[in-house]
Amino acid sequence: MNHQLAGPGRVGVGQTPPDVDAYPCLAPEATFDFACKGCGDCCRQRRDLVLSGLDLYRIARRLALPPALVASAFCKAEIGQTGQMYCLPVLRLAPRGKNADCPFLDGGSCAIHAARPLACALYPLGQAIDPATGKAEYYPQTPLCGASAGGRSLAQYLQDAGVAARLGTDVQWAKACTQISGLLQAAGGAANPHFLPAVRRTEKALYYDYTVRDEFYPQFRQNMEVLLPLLARILG
């Protein structure tokens, strides 16, 4: 099964995920009583905080700044690996200071908690989305910290964390990135002479060509409608 993976501090776009089928998946009604205790430990020594386009947009909207400006100030762009090729543009939050803390860690608190990225909202869960079916599965990972919420179900945890509300958009993101990755790989990846212009245009469409005055998803859908035929022309 080809999954897009998100876990505590990582989102699977541009990465080679582990064998998610080896992890025990939780049913929605399963008990998941983890609760954040606000210590900030999961925000320290982080070099793996990967953003989706929706993540960047939500942070930008919170800060009332254009996404491209937020990315230039707080992120590092790279070309991530998909399978055996490096194809998709990826944004990571750039760690800060000698401890490599998340740049939005302010003392022991998150300065953008209401707009925190998916990987942070999921913690300590991993999320696997099958782009072919849109099915999302969740599996527990050993937390570094936390307390007990007393019998809360997985479904309630996802609702409380804001993960359930954004799932439809995250599924469409996974599908689009899988399609774009397929186009870039089929064209030969970095061996294609037009690869870098294609990747730069993809990065703009996925991350930057949004206004925070308008909702994310209609803009994302429009960007993809323009990008996909454009990539076909660029890549030849």
C-alpha atoms as a PDB file:
ATOM      1  CA  MET A   1       0.000   0.000   0.000  1.00  0.00           C
ATOM      2  CA  ASN A   2       1.412   3.407  -0.965  1.00  0.00           C
ATOM      3  CA  HIS A   3       0.965   5.688   2.031  1.00  0.00           C
ATOM      4  CA  GLN A   4       1.560   9.316   2.768  1.00  0.00           C
ATOM      5  CA  LEU A   5       2.790   9.273   6.346  1.00  0.00           C
ATOM      6  CA  ALA A   6       2.528  11.841   9.098  1.00  0.00           C
ATOM      7  CA  GLY A   7       3.896  11.222  12.530  1.00  0.00           C
ATOM      8  CA  PRO A   8       5.138  13.092  15.572  1.00  0.00           C
ATOM      9  CA  GLY A   9       7.180  15.747  13.831  1.00  0.00           C
ATOM     10  CA  ARG A  10       7.037  14.574  10.262  1.00  0.00           C
ATOM     11  CA  VAL A  11       4.743  14.600   7.276  1.00  0.00           C
ATOM     12  CA  GLY A  12       5.280  12.006   4.595  1.00  0.00           C
ATOM     13  CA  VAL A  13       5.469  14.209   1.499  1.00  0.00           C
ATOM     14  CA  GLY A  14       8.915  13.697   0.021  1.00  0.00           C
ATOM     15  CA  GLN A  15       9.929  10.983   2.464  1.00  0.00           C
ATOM     16  CA  THR A  16      10.208   7.222   2.246  1.00  0.00           C
ATOM     17  CA  PRO A  17       7.858   6.028   4.985  1.00  0.00           C
ATOM     18  CA  PRO A  18       8.573   3.005   7.143  1.00  0.00           C
ATOM     19  CA  ASP A  19       6.418  -0.096   6.778  1.00  0.00           C
ATOM     20  CA  VAL A  20       3.313   1.378   8.363  1.00  0.00           C
ATOM     21  CA  ASP A  21       1.583  -1.997   8.057  1.00  0.00           C
ATOM     22  CA  ALA A  22       3.935  -3.227  10.811  1.00  0.00           C
ATOM     23  CA  TYR A  23       2.435  -0.768  13.309  1.00  0.00           C
ATOM     24  CA  PRO A  24      -0.770  -1.607  15.202  1.00  0.00           C
ATOM     25  CA  CYS A  25      -3.533   0.696  13.977  1.00  0.00           C
ATOM     26  CA  LEU A  26      -6.066   2.058  16.412  1.00  0.00           C
ATOM     27  CA  ALA A  27      -9.800   1.822  15.786  1.00  0.00           C
ATOM     28  CA  PRO A  28     -11.757   5.087  16.211  1.00  0.00           C
ATOM     29  CA  GLU A  29     -13.457   3.746  19.321  1.00  0.00           C
ATOM     30  CA  ALA A  30     -10.186   2.544  20.870  1.00  0.00           C
ATOM     31  CA  THR A  31      -9.096   4.193  24.111  1.00  0.00           C
ATOM     32  CA  PHE A  32      -6.341   6.762  23.627  1.00  0.00           C
ATOM     33  CA  ASP A  33      -5.932   8.695  26.839  1.00  0.00           C
ATOM     34  CA  PHE A  34      -2.756  10.693  26.111  1.00  0.00           C
ATOM     35  CA  ALA A  35      -2.964  14.354  27.134  1.00  0.00           C
ATOM     36  CA  CYS A  36      -0.410  17.103  26.584  1.00  0.00           C
ATOM     37  CA  LYS A  37       0.976  18.483  29.843  1.00  0.00           C
ATOM     38  CA  GLY A  38       2.490  21.574  28.217  1.00  0.00           C
ATOM     39  CA  CYS A  39       6.139  20.807  28.982  1.00  0.00           C
ATOM     40  CA  GLY A  40       7.424  21.582  25.468  1.00  0.00           C
ATOM     41  CA  ASP A  41       9.680  18.505  25.337  1.00  0.00           C
ATOM     42  CA  CYS A  42       8.275  17.395  21.979  1.00  0.00           C
ATOM     43  CA  CYS A  43       9.301  20.786  20.519  1.00  0.00           C
ATOM     44  CA  ARG A  44      12.989  20.508  21.485  1.00  0.00           C
ATOM     45  CA  GLN A  45      15.817  19.052  19.428  1.00  0.00           C
ATOM     46  CA  ARG A  46      13.631  18.942  16.319  1.00  0.00           C
ATOM     47  CA  ARG A  47      15.068  18.876  12.830  1.00  0.00           C
ATOM     48  CA  ASP A  48      12.265  16.803  11.309  1.00  0.00           C
ATOM     49  CA  LEU A  49       9.218  19.081  11.447  1.00  0.00           C
ATOM     50  CA  VAL A  50       7.921  18.906   7.886  1.00  0.00           C
ATOM     51  CA  LEU A  51       5.037  21.113   6.763  1.00  0.00           C
ATOM     52  CA  SER A  52       2.248  20.622   4.285  1.00  0.00           C
ATOM     53  CA  GLY A  53       0.852  23.526   2.321  1.00  0.00           C
ATOM     54  CA  LEU A  54      -2.071  23.731   4.741  1.00  0.00           C
ATOM     55  CA  ASP A  55       0.339  23.818   7.682  1.00  0.00           C
ATOM     56  CA  LEU A  56       2.243  26.768   6.205  1.00  0.00           C
ATOM     57  CA  TYR A  57      -0.982  28.561   5.284  1.00  0.00           C
ATOM     58  CA  ARG A  58      -2.386  28.181   8.828  1.00  0.00           C
ATOM     59  CA  ILE A  59       0.812  29.540  10.374  1.00  0.00           C
ATOM     60  CA  ALA A  60       0.868  32.419   7.891  1.00  0.00           C
ATOM     61  CA  ARG A  61      -2.759  33.248   8.607  1.00  0.00           C
ATOM     62  CA  ARG A  62      -2.064  33.179  12.341  1.00  0.00           C
ATOM     63  CA  LEU A  63       0.831  35.607  11.872  1.00  0.00           C
ATOM     64  CA  ALA A  64      -1.031  37.693   9.248  1.00  0.00           C
ATOM     65  CA  LEU A  65       1.884  37.302   6.837  1.00  0.00           C
ATOM     66  CA  PRO A  66       2.213  35.891   3.292  1.00  0.00           C
ATOM     67  CA  PRO A  67       3.147  32.190   3.245  1.00  0.00           C
ATOM     68  CA  ALA A  68       6.326  32.861   1.256  1.00  0.00           C
ATOM     69  CA  LEU A  69       7.521  35.338   3.889  1.00  0.00           C
ATOM     70  CA  VAL A  70       6.829  32.890   6.703  1.00  0.00           C
ATOM     71  CA  ALA A  71       8.713  30.173   4.813  1.00  0.00           C
ATOM     72  CA  SER A  72      11.737  32.412   4.246  1.00  0.00           C
ATOM     73  CA  ALA A  73      11.839  33.368   7.922  1.00  0.00           C
ATOM     74  CA  PHE A  74      11.137  30.023   9.602  1.00  0.00           C
ATOM     75  CA  CYS A  75      11.628  27.186   7.103  1.00  0.00           C
ATOM     76  CA  LYS A  76      14.205  25.369   5.042  1.00  0.00           C
ATOM     77  CA  ALA A  77      13.266  24.192   1.558  1.00  0.00           C
ATOM     78  CA  GLU A  78      14.683  21.020   0.029  1.00  0.00           C
ATOM     79  CA  ILE A  79      13.855  18.357  -2.507  1.00  0.00           C
ATOM     80  CA  GLY A  80      12.572  15.302  -0.667  1.00  0.00           C
ATOM     81  CA  GLN A  81      12.923  11.647  -1.523  1.00  0.00           C
ATOM     82  CA  THR A  82      10.079   9.604  -2.969  1.00  0.00           C
ATOM     83  CA  GLY A  83      11.060   5.988  -3.452  1.00  0.00           C
ATOM     84  CA  GLN A  84      14.531   6.021  -5.014  1.00  0.00           C
ATOM     85  CA  MET A  85      14.227   9.535  -6.451  1.00  0.00           C
ATOM     86  CA  TYR A  86      14.424  13.019  -5.006  1.00  0.00           C
ATOM     87  CA  CYS A  87      11.450  14.745  -6.570  1.00  0.00           C
ATOM     88  CA  LEU A  88       9.037  16.711  -4.416  1.00  0.00           C
ATOM     89  CA  PRO A  89       9.778  20.086  -2.824  1.00  0.00           C
ATOM     90  CA  VAL A  90       9.582  19.889   0.968  1.00  0.00           C
ATOM     91  CA  LEU A  91       9.500  22.548   3.666  1.00  0.00           C
ATOM     92  CA  ARG A  92      10.890  21.879   7.116  1.00  0.00           C
ATOM     93  CA  LEU A  93      10.708  24.212  10.074  1.00  0.00           C
ATOM     94  CA  ALA A  94      14.272  25.410  10.580  1.00  0.00           C
ATOM     95  CA  PRO A  95      15.484  24.547  14.096  1.00  0.00           C
ATOM     96  CA  ARG A  96      16.656  27.396  16.299  1.00  0.00           C
ATOM     97  CA  GLY A  97      19.686  27.699  18.540  1.00  0.00           C
ATOM     98  CA  LYS A  98      22.184  25.132  19.768  1.00  0.00           C
ATOM     99  CA  ASN A  99      19.366  22.927  21.077  1.00  0.00           C
ATOM    100  CA  ALA A 100      17.669  22.765  17.646  1.00  0.00           C
ATOM    101  CA  ASP A 101      14.309  23.811  19.085  1.00  0.00           C
ATOM    102  CA  CYS A 102      11.251  24.507  16.977  1.00  0.00           C
ATOM    103  CA  PRO A 103      11.403  28.204  16.011  1.00  0.00           C
ATOM    104  CA  PHE A 104       7.933  28.731  17.499  1.00  0.00           C
ATOM    105  CA  LEU A 105       8.838  27.387  20.936  1.00  0.00           C
ATOM    106  CA  ASP A 106       8.530  30.372  23.262  1.00  0.00           C
ATOM    107  CA  GLY A 107       9.757  29.433  26.715  1.00  0.00           C
ATOM    108  CA  GLY A 108       7.869  26.229  27.332  1.00  0.00           C
ATOM    109  CA  SER A 109       4.888  27.056  25.107  1.00  0.00           C
ATOM    110  CA  CYS A 110       3.999  27.040  21.421  1.00  0.00           C
ATOM    111  CA  ALA A 111       3.579  30.580  20.073  1.00  0.00           C
ATOM    112  CA  ILE A 112       1.274  29.314  17.300  1.00  0.00           C
ATOM    113  CA  HIS A 113      -0.522  26.532  19.166  1.00  0.00           C
ATOM    114  CA  ALA A 114      -3.919  27.240  17.577  1.00  0.00           C
ATOM    115  CA  ALA A 115      -2.261  26.901  14.135  1.00  0.00           C
ATOM    116  CA  ARG A 116       0.287  24.193  14.961  1.00  0.00           C
ATOM    117  CA  PRO A 117       1.245  21.812  12.137  1.00  0.00           C
ATOM    118  CA  LEU A 118      -0.466  18.461  11.669  1.00  0.00           C
ATOM    119  CA  ALA A 119       2.527  16.512  12.998  1.00  0.00           C
ATOM    120  CA  CYS A 120       2.344  18.481  16.246  1.00  0.00           C
ATOM    121  CA  ALA A 121      -1.426  18.097  16.570  1.00  0.00           C
ATOM    122  CA  LEU A 122      -1.087  14.346  16.036  1.00  0.00           C
ATOM    123  CA  TYR A 123       1.583  13.809  18.693  1.00  0.00           C
ATOM    124  CA  PRO A 124       2.204  11.047  19.742  1.00  0.00           C
ATOM    125  CA  LEU A 125       0.261   9.431  16.904  1.00  0.00           C
ATOM    126  CA  GLY A 126       1.330   8.578  13.398  1.00  0.00           C
ATOM    127  CA  GLN A 127      -1.139   9.019  10.548  1.00  0.00           C
ATOM    128  CA  ALA A 128      -1.024   7.040   7.297  1.00  0.00           C
ATOM    129  CA  ILE A 129      -3.167   8.131   4.342  1.00  0.00           C
ATOM    130  CA  ASP A 130      -3.648   5.843   1.363  1.00  0.00           C
ATOM    131  CA  PRO A 131      -3.893   8.271  -1.598  1.00  0.00           C
ATOM    132  CA  ALA A 132      -5.740   5.700  -3.703  1.00  0.00           C
ATOM    133  CA  THR A 133      -8.646   5.285  -1.294  1.00  0.00           C
ATOM    134  CA  GLY A 134      -8.374   8.355   0.939  1.00  0.00           C
ATOM    135  CA  LYS A 135      -8.412   6.078   3.986  1.00  0.00           C
ATOM    136  CA  ALA A 136      -6.544   7.382   7.044  1.00  0.00           C
ATOM    137  CA  GLU A 137      -5.182   5.123   9.756  1.00  0.00           C
ATOM    138  CA  TYR A 138      -3.610   6.034  13.090  1.00  0.00           C
ATOM    139  CA  TYR A 139      -1.056   4.208  15.144  1.00  0.00           C
ATOM    140  CA  PRO A 140       0.489   5.015  18.526  1.00  0.00           C
ATOM    141  CA  GLN A 141       4.148   5.749  19.082  1.00  0.00           C
ATOM    142  CA  THR A 142       5.939   5.980  22.404  1.00  0.00           C
ATOM    143  CA  PRO A 143       5.505   9.538  23.711  1.00  0.00           C
ATOM    144  CA  LEU A 144       8.369  11.513  25.247  1.00  0.00           C
ATOM    145  CA  CYS A 145       6.044  13.145  27.740  1.00  0.00           C
ATOM    146  CA  GLY A 146       2.356  13.647  28.505  1.00  0.00           C
ATOM    147  CA  ALA A 147      -0.316  12.719  31.010  1.00  0.00           C
ATOM    148  CA  SER A 148      -3.520  10.682  31.049  1.00  0.00           C
ATOM    149  CA  ALA A 149      -6.842  12.116  29.873  1.00  0.00           C
ATOM    150  CA  GLY A 150      -8.837   9.316  31.470  1.00  0.00           C
ATOM    151  CA  GLY A 151     -10.461   7.047  28.907  1.00  0.00           C
ATOM    152  CA  ARG A 152     -10.767   9.350  25.888  1.00  0.00           C
ATOM    153  CA  SER A 153     -11.285   7.554  22.568  1.00  0.00           C
ATOM    154  CA  LEU A 154      -9.091   7.980  19.497  1.00  0.00           C
ATOM    155  CA  ALA A 155     -11.962   9.667  17.649  1.00  0.00           C
ATOM    156  CA  GLN A 156     -12.388  12.202  20.446  1.00  0.00           C
ATOM    157  CA  TYR A 157      -8.632  12.828  20.603  1.00  0.00           C
ATOM    158  CA  LEU A 158      -8.535  13.564  16.867  1.00  0.00           C
ATOM    159  CA  GLN A 159     -11.551  15.837  17.191  1.00  0.00           C
ATOM    160  CA  ASP A 160     -10.087  17.736  20.146  1.00  0.00           C
ATOM    161  CA  ALA A 161      -6.727  18.143  18.395  1.00  0.00           C
ATOM    162  CA  GLY A 162      -8.324  19.543  15.219  1.00  0.00           C
ATOM    163  CA  VAL A 163      -7.062  16.627  13.124  1.00  0.00           C
ATOM    164  CA  ALA A 164     -10.515  15.346  12.143  1.00  0.00           C
ATOM    165  CA  ALA A 165     -11.646  18.762  10.882  1.00  0.00           C
ATOM    166  CA  ARG A 166      -8.787  19.031   8.390  1.00  0.00           C
ATOM    167  CA  LEU A 167      -8.663  15.406   7.244  1.00  0.00           C
ATOM    168  CA  GLY A 168     -10.452  16.000   3.934  1.00  0.00           C
ATOM    169  CA  THR A 169      -7.872  18.592   2.902  1.00  0.00           C
ATOM    170  CA  ASP A 170      -4.986  16.414   4.088  1.00  0.00           C
ATOM    171  CA  VAL A 171      -6.299  13.547   1.961  1.00  0.00           C
ATOM    172  CA  GLN A 172      -6.443  15.789  -1.119  1.00  0.00           C
ATOM    173  CA  TRP A 173      -2.912  17.006  -0.368  1.00  0.00           C
ATOM    174  CA  ALA A 174      -1.680  13.399  -0.234  1.00  0.00           C
ATOM    175  CA  LYS A 175      -3.404  12.581  -3.512  1.00  0.00           C
ATOM    176  CA  ALA A 176      -2.019  15.661  -5.267  1.00  0.00           C
ATOM    177  CA  CYS A 177       1.525  15.085  -4.037  1.00  0.00           C
ATOM    178  CA  THR A 178       1.379  11.455  -5.136  1.00  0.00           C
ATOM    179  CA  GLN A 179       0.214  12.526  -8.593  1.00  0.00           C
ATOM    180  CA  ILE A 180       2.884  15.226  -8.897  1.00  0.00           C
ATOM    181  CA  SER A 181       5.578  12.850  -7.708  1.00  0.00           C
ATOM    182  CA  GLY A 182       4.472  10.346 -10.321  1.00  0.00           C
ATOM    183  CA  LEU A 183       4.750  12.959 -13.076  1.00  0.00           C
ATOM    184  CA  LEU A 184       8.228  14.022 -11.974  1.00  0.00           C
ATOM    185  CA  GLN A 185       9.466  10.459 -11.662  1.00  0.00           C
ATOM    186  CA  ALA A 186       7.995   9.420 -15.005  1.00  0.00           C
ATOM    187  CA  ALA A 187       9.839  12.341 -16.604  1.00  0.00           C
ATOM    188  CA  GLY A 188      13.151  11.067 -15.257  1.00  0.00           C
ATOM    189  CA  GLY A 189      13.419  13.091 -12.077  1.00  0.00           C
ATOM    190  CA  ALA A 190      16.599  15.141 -11.773  1.00  0.00           C
ATOM    191  CA  ALA A 191      17.879  13.696 -15.063  1.00  0.00           C
ATOM    192  CA  ASN A 192      15.231  15.707 -16.930  1.00  0.00           C
ATOM    193  CA  PRO A 193      16.781  19.023 -18.092  1.00  0.00           C
ATOM    194  CA  HIS A 194      13.632  20.878 -17.023  1.00  0.00           C
ATOM    195  CA  PHE A 195      13.404  19.245 -13.590  1.00  0.00           C
ATOM    196  CA  LEU A 196      14.437  22.225 -11.473  1.00  0.00           C
ATOM    197  CA  PRO A 197      12.034  24.700 -13.140  1.00  0.00           C
ATOM    198  CA  ALA A 198       9.273  22.120 -12.659  1.00  0.00           C
ATOM    199  CA  VAL A 199      10.137  21.684  -8.983  1.00  0.00           C
ATOM    200  CA  ARG A 200      10.271  25.453  -8.405  1.00  0.00           C
ATOM    201  CA  ARG A 201       6.842  25.875  -9.978  1.00  0.00           C
ATOM    202  CA  THR A 202       5.518  22.964  -7.924  1.00  0.00           C
ATOM    203  CA  GLU A 203       6.854  24.510  -4.722  1.00  0.00           C
ATOM    204  CA  LYS A 204       5.040  27.763  -5.471  1.00  0.00           C
ATOM    205  CA  ALA A 205       1.754  26.013  -6.193  1.00  0.00           C
ATOM    206  CA  LEU A 206       1.928  23.737  -3.159  1.00  0.00           C
ATOM    207  CA  TYR A 207       3.127  26.279  -0.610  1.00  0.00           C
ATOM    208  CA  TYR A 208       3.223  29.939  -1.615  1.00  0.00           C
ATOM    209  CA  ASP A 209       0.508  30.928  -4.095  1.00  0.00           C
ATOM    210  CA  TYR A 210      -2.122  31.629  -1.441  1.00  0.00           C
ATOM    211  CA  THR A 211      -3.635  34.677   0.167  1.00  0.00           C
ATOM    212  CA  VAL A 212      -4.483  34.281   3.834  1.00  0.00           C
ATOM    213  CA  ARG A 213      -7.592  36.430   3.335  1.00  0.00           C
ATOM    214  CA  ASP A 214      -9.234  33.493   1.524  1.00  0.00           C
ATOM    215  CA  GLU A 215      -9.703  29.878   2.566  1.00  0.00           C
ATOM    216  CA  PHE A 216      -6.955  27.420   1.729  1.00  0.00           C
ATOM    217  CA  TYR A 217      -8.719  24.584  -0.064  1.00  0.00           C
ATOM    218  CA  PRO A 218     -10.343  26.471  -2.985  1.00  0.00           C
ATOM    219  CA  GLN A 219      -6.978  28.092  -3.690  1.00  0.00           C
ATOM    220  CA  PHE A 220      -5.191  24.745  -3.447  1.00  0.00           C
ATOM    221  CA  ARG A 221      -7.650  23.144  -5.869  1.00  0.00           C
ATOM    222  CA  GLN A 222      -7.228  25.997  -8.341  1.00  0.00           C
ATOM    223  CA  ASN A 223      -3.438  25.810  -8.031  1.00  0.00           C
ATOM    224  CA  MET A 224      -3.503  22.092  -8.839  1.00  0.00           C
ATOM    225  CA  GLU A 225      -5.780  22.629 -11.845  1.00  0.00           C
ATOM    226  CA  VAL A 226      -3.190  25.042 -13.248  1.00  0.00           C
ATOM    227  CA  LEU A 227      -0.073  23.156 -12.140  1.00  0.00           C
ATOM    228  CA  LEU A 228      -0.713  19.662 -13.496  1.00  0.00           C
ATOM    229  CA  PRO A 229      -1.042  20.557 -17.208  1.00  0.00           C
ATOM    230  CA  LEU A 230       1.752  23.110 -16.791  1.00  0.00           C
ATOM    231  CA  LEU A 231       4.106  20.426 -15.470  1.00  0.00           C
ATOM    232  CA  ALA A 232       3.297  18.229 -18.443  1.00  0.00           C
ATOM    233  CA  ARG A 233       4.363  21.069 -20.763  1.00  0.00           C
ATOM    234  CA  ILE A 234       7.499  21.968 -18.757  1.00  0.00           C
ATOM    235  CA  LEU A 235       8.726  18.387 -18.515  1.00  0.00           C
ATOM    236  CA  GLY A 236       8.024  17.642 -22.174  1.00  0.00           C
END
